[in-house]
Amino acid sequence: MIDGDRMRMLQVSEAKATMGFRSTYVLPGAKKPAMHMLGNAVPPIVAADVLEALRAAA
């Protein structure tokens, strides 16, 4: 998160919410693997858009 000249890393819950995952979405309990999974994830809204585009093109 950047605010002017200040910066901090997001917490797992903040990153999950920012990407659009439900609060009930289950991630590993440890921060490092949870953030790694979120970093490699496709946000749900983007996945939905891709699937809709594929359906429209079919």
N, C-alpha and C. Protein backbone atom coordinates (compact mmCIF):
# COMPACT_ATOMS: atom_id res chain seq x y z
N MET A 1 0.85 -1.14 0.00
CA MET A 1 0.00 0.00 0.00
C MET A 1 0.91 1.22 0.00
N ILE A 2 0.63 2.16 -0.86
CA ILE A 2 1.43 3.38 -0.94
C ILE A 2 0.54 4.57 -0.63
N ASP A 3 1.03 5.43 0.25
CA ASP A 3 0.34 6.66 0.65
C ASP A 3 1.37 7.78 0.65
N GLY A 4 1.46 8.46 -0.49
CA GLY A 4 2.48 9.51 -0.61
C GLY A 4 3.86 8.89 -0.61
N ASP A 5 4.68 9.26 0.37
CA ASP A 5 6.03 8.70 0.45
C ASP A 5 6.12 7.55 1.45
N ARG A 6 4.98 7.10 1.95
CA ARG A 6 4.96 5.98 2.88
C ARG A 6 4.50 4.72 2.15
N MET A 7 5.04 3.57 2.58
CA MET A 7 4.68 2.31 1.94
C MET A 7 4.68 1.21 2.99
N ARG A 8 3.76 0.26 2.86
CA ARG A 8 3.78 -0.93 3.71
C ARG A 8 3.21 -2.09 2.93
N MET A 9 3.58 -3.28 3.33
CA MET A 9 3.07 -4.50 2.70
C MET A 9 1.65 -4.75 3.20
N LEU A 10 0.82 -5.33 2.35
CA LEU A 10 -0.53 -5.69 2.75
C LEU A 10 -0.50 -6.94 3.62
N GLN A 11 -1.43 -7.03 4.53
CA GLN A 11 -1.64 -8.26 5.29
C GLN A 11 -2.37 -9.25 4.38
N VAL A 12 -2.35 -10.52 4.74
CA VAL A 12 -2.99 -11.55 3.92
C VAL A 12 -4.47 -11.22 3.72
N SER A 13 -5.15 -10.85 4.79
CA SER A 13 -6.59 -10.54 4.68
C SER A 13 -6.83 -9.34 3.77
N GLU A 14 -5.94 -8.35 3.79
CA GLU A 14 -6.08 -7.19 2.92
C GLU A 14 -5.83 -7.56 1.46
N ALA A 15 -4.82 -8.36 1.22
CA ALA A 15 -4.51 -8.78 -0.16
C ALA A 15 -5.65 -9.62 -0.72
N LYS A 16 -6.19 -10.50 0.11
CA LYS A 16 -7.30 -11.35 -0.32
C LYS A 16 -8.51 -10.50 -0.68
N ALA A 17 -8.83 -9.52 0.15
CA ALA A 17 -9.98 -8.65 -0.11
C ALA A 17 -9.73 -7.77 -1.34
N THR A 18 -8.52 -7.27 -1.49
CA THR A 18 -8.18 -6.41 -2.62
C THR A 18 -8.35 -7.14 -3.94
N MET A 19 -8.04 -8.44 -3.94
CA MET A 19 -8.16 -9.23 -5.16
C MET A 19 -9.58 -9.72 -5.41
N GLY A 20 -10.46 -9.52 -4.45
CA GLY A 20 -11.85 -9.90 -4.66
C GLY A 20 -12.23 -11.28 -4.16
N PHE A 21 -11.35 -11.91 -3.41
CA PHE A 21 -11.68 -13.21 -2.83
C PHE A 21 -12.61 -13.01 -1.64
N ARG A 22 -13.53 -13.94 -1.45
CA ARG A 22 -14.43 -13.89 -0.30
C ARG A 22 -13.63 -14.04 0.99
N SER A 23 -14.15 -13.51 2.08
CA SER A 23 -13.46 -13.63 3.36
C SER A 23 -13.41 -15.09 3.81
N THR A 24 -14.31 -15.93 3.29
CA THR A 24 -14.33 -17.34 3.66
C THR A 24 -13.37 -18.19 2.83
N TYR A 25 -12.73 -17.60 1.83
CA TYR A 25 -11.78 -18.33 0.99
C TYR A 25 -10.62 -18.81 1.87
N VAL A 26 -10.32 -20.08 1.83
CA VAL A 26 -9.33 -20.67 2.73
C VAL A 26 -7.93 -20.63 2.10
N LEU A 27 -6.99 -20.10 2.88
CA LEU A 27 -5.58 -20.05 2.50
C LEU A 27 -4.77 -20.73 3.59
N PRO A 28 -3.50 -21.05 3.31
CA PRO A 28 -2.66 -21.61 4.37
C PRO A 28 -2.57 -20.65 5.56
N GLY A 29 -2.37 -21.19 6.74
CA GLY A 29 -2.28 -20.38 7.94
C GLY A 29 -1.03 -19.53 8.01
N ALA A 30 0.05 -19.99 7.40
CA ALA A 30 1.31 -19.24 7.42
C ALA A 30 1.27 -18.13 6.36
N LYS A 31 1.84 -16.99 6.71
CA LYS A 31 1.78 -15.81 5.84
C LYS A 31 2.49 -16.02 4.50
N LYS A 32 3.70 -16.59 4.55
CA LYS A 32 4.50 -16.70 3.31
C LYS A 32 3.80 -17.53 2.23
N PRO A 33 3.33 -18.75 2.53
CA PRO A 33 2.65 -19.49 1.46
C PRO A 33 1.33 -18.87 1.06
N ALA A 34 0.63 -18.23 2.00
CA ALA A 34 -0.64 -17.58 1.66
C ALA A 34 -0.40 -16.43 0.68
N MET A 35 0.59 -15.60 0.95
CA MET A 35 0.89 -14.49 0.05
C MET A 35 1.42 -15.00 -1.29
N HIS A 36 2.17 -16.08 -1.26
CA HIS A 36 2.68 -16.67 -2.50
C HIS A 36 1.51 -17.14 -3.37
N MET A 37 0.54 -17.79 -2.75
CA MET A 37 -0.62 -18.26 -3.50
C MET A 37 -1.43 -17.09 -4.05
N LEU A 38 -1.61 -16.05 -3.23
CA LEU A 38 -2.35 -14.87 -3.71
C LEU A 38 -1.59 -14.18 -4.84
N GLY A 39 -0.28 -14.14 -4.74
CA GLY A 39 0.53 -13.49 -5.77
C GLY A 39 0.45 -14.19 -7.11
N ASN A 40 0.19 -15.49 -7.09
CA ASN A 40 0.09 -16.27 -8.33
C ASN A 40 -1.35 -16.49 -8.77
N ALA A 41 -2.29 -15.99 -8.00
CA ALA A 41 -3.70 -16.24 -8.28
C ALA A 41 -4.26 -15.30 -9.34
N VAL A 42 -5.28 -15.77 -10.01
CA VAL A 42 -6.07 -14.92 -10.90
C VAL A 42 -7.29 -14.48 -10.08
N PRO A 43 -7.49 -13.16 -9.93
CA PRO A 43 -8.64 -12.70 -9.16
C PRO A 43 -9.95 -13.26 -9.73
N PRO A 44 -10.90 -13.60 -8.87
CA PRO A 44 -12.16 -14.21 -9.32
C PRO A 44 -12.88 -13.40 -10.40
N ILE A 45 -12.89 -12.09 -10.29
CA ILE A 45 -13.60 -11.27 -11.28
C ILE A 45 -12.93 -11.37 -12.65
N VAL A 46 -11.61 -11.47 -12.66
CA VAL A 46 -10.89 -11.62 -13.93
C VAL A 46 -11.17 -12.99 -14.53
N ALA A 47 -11.15 -14.02 -13.71
CA ALA A 47 -11.46 -15.36 -14.19
C ALA A 47 -12.87 -15.41 -14.78
N ALA A 48 -13.82 -14.76 -14.11
CA ALA A 48 -15.20 -14.72 -14.61
C ALA A 48 -15.26 -14.00 -15.96
N ASP A 49 -14.53 -12.91 -16.10
CA ASP A 49 -14.52 -12.17 -17.36
C ASP A 49 -13.92 -13.01 -18.50
N VAL A 50 -12.86 -13.75 -18.20
CA VAL A 50 -12.23 -14.60 -19.22
C VAL A 50 -13.21 -15.70 -19.64
N LEU A 51 -13.87 -16.33 -18.68
CA LEU A 51 -14.83 -17.39 -19.01
C LEU A 51 -16.00 -16.84 -19.82
N GLU A 52 -16.47 -15.67 -19.48
CA GLU A 52 -17.58 -15.05 -20.22
C GLU A 52 -17.16 -14.74 -21.66
N ALA A 53 -15.92 -14.24 -21.84
CA ALA A 53 -15.42 -13.94 -23.18
C ALA A 53 -15.30 -15.23 -24.01
N LEU A 54 -14.86 -16.31 -23.36
CA LEU A 54 -14.76 -17.58 -24.08
C LEU A 54 -16.15 -18.09 -24.48
N ARG A 55 -17.10 -17.95 -23.58
CA ARG A 55 -18.48 -18.38 -23.91
C ARG A 55 -19.04 -17.55 -25.05
N ALA A 56 -18.78 -16.26 -25.04
CA ALA A 56 -19.31 -15.38 -26.09
C ALA A 56 -18.66 -15.69 -27.44
N ALA A 57 -17.41 -16.11 -27.42
CA ALA A 57 -16.70 -16.39 -28.67
C ALA A 57 -17.06 -17.77 -29.21
N ALA A 58 -17.58 -18.63 -28.38
CA ALA A 58 -17.86 -20.02 -28.81
C ALA A 58 -19.11 -20.10 -29.66
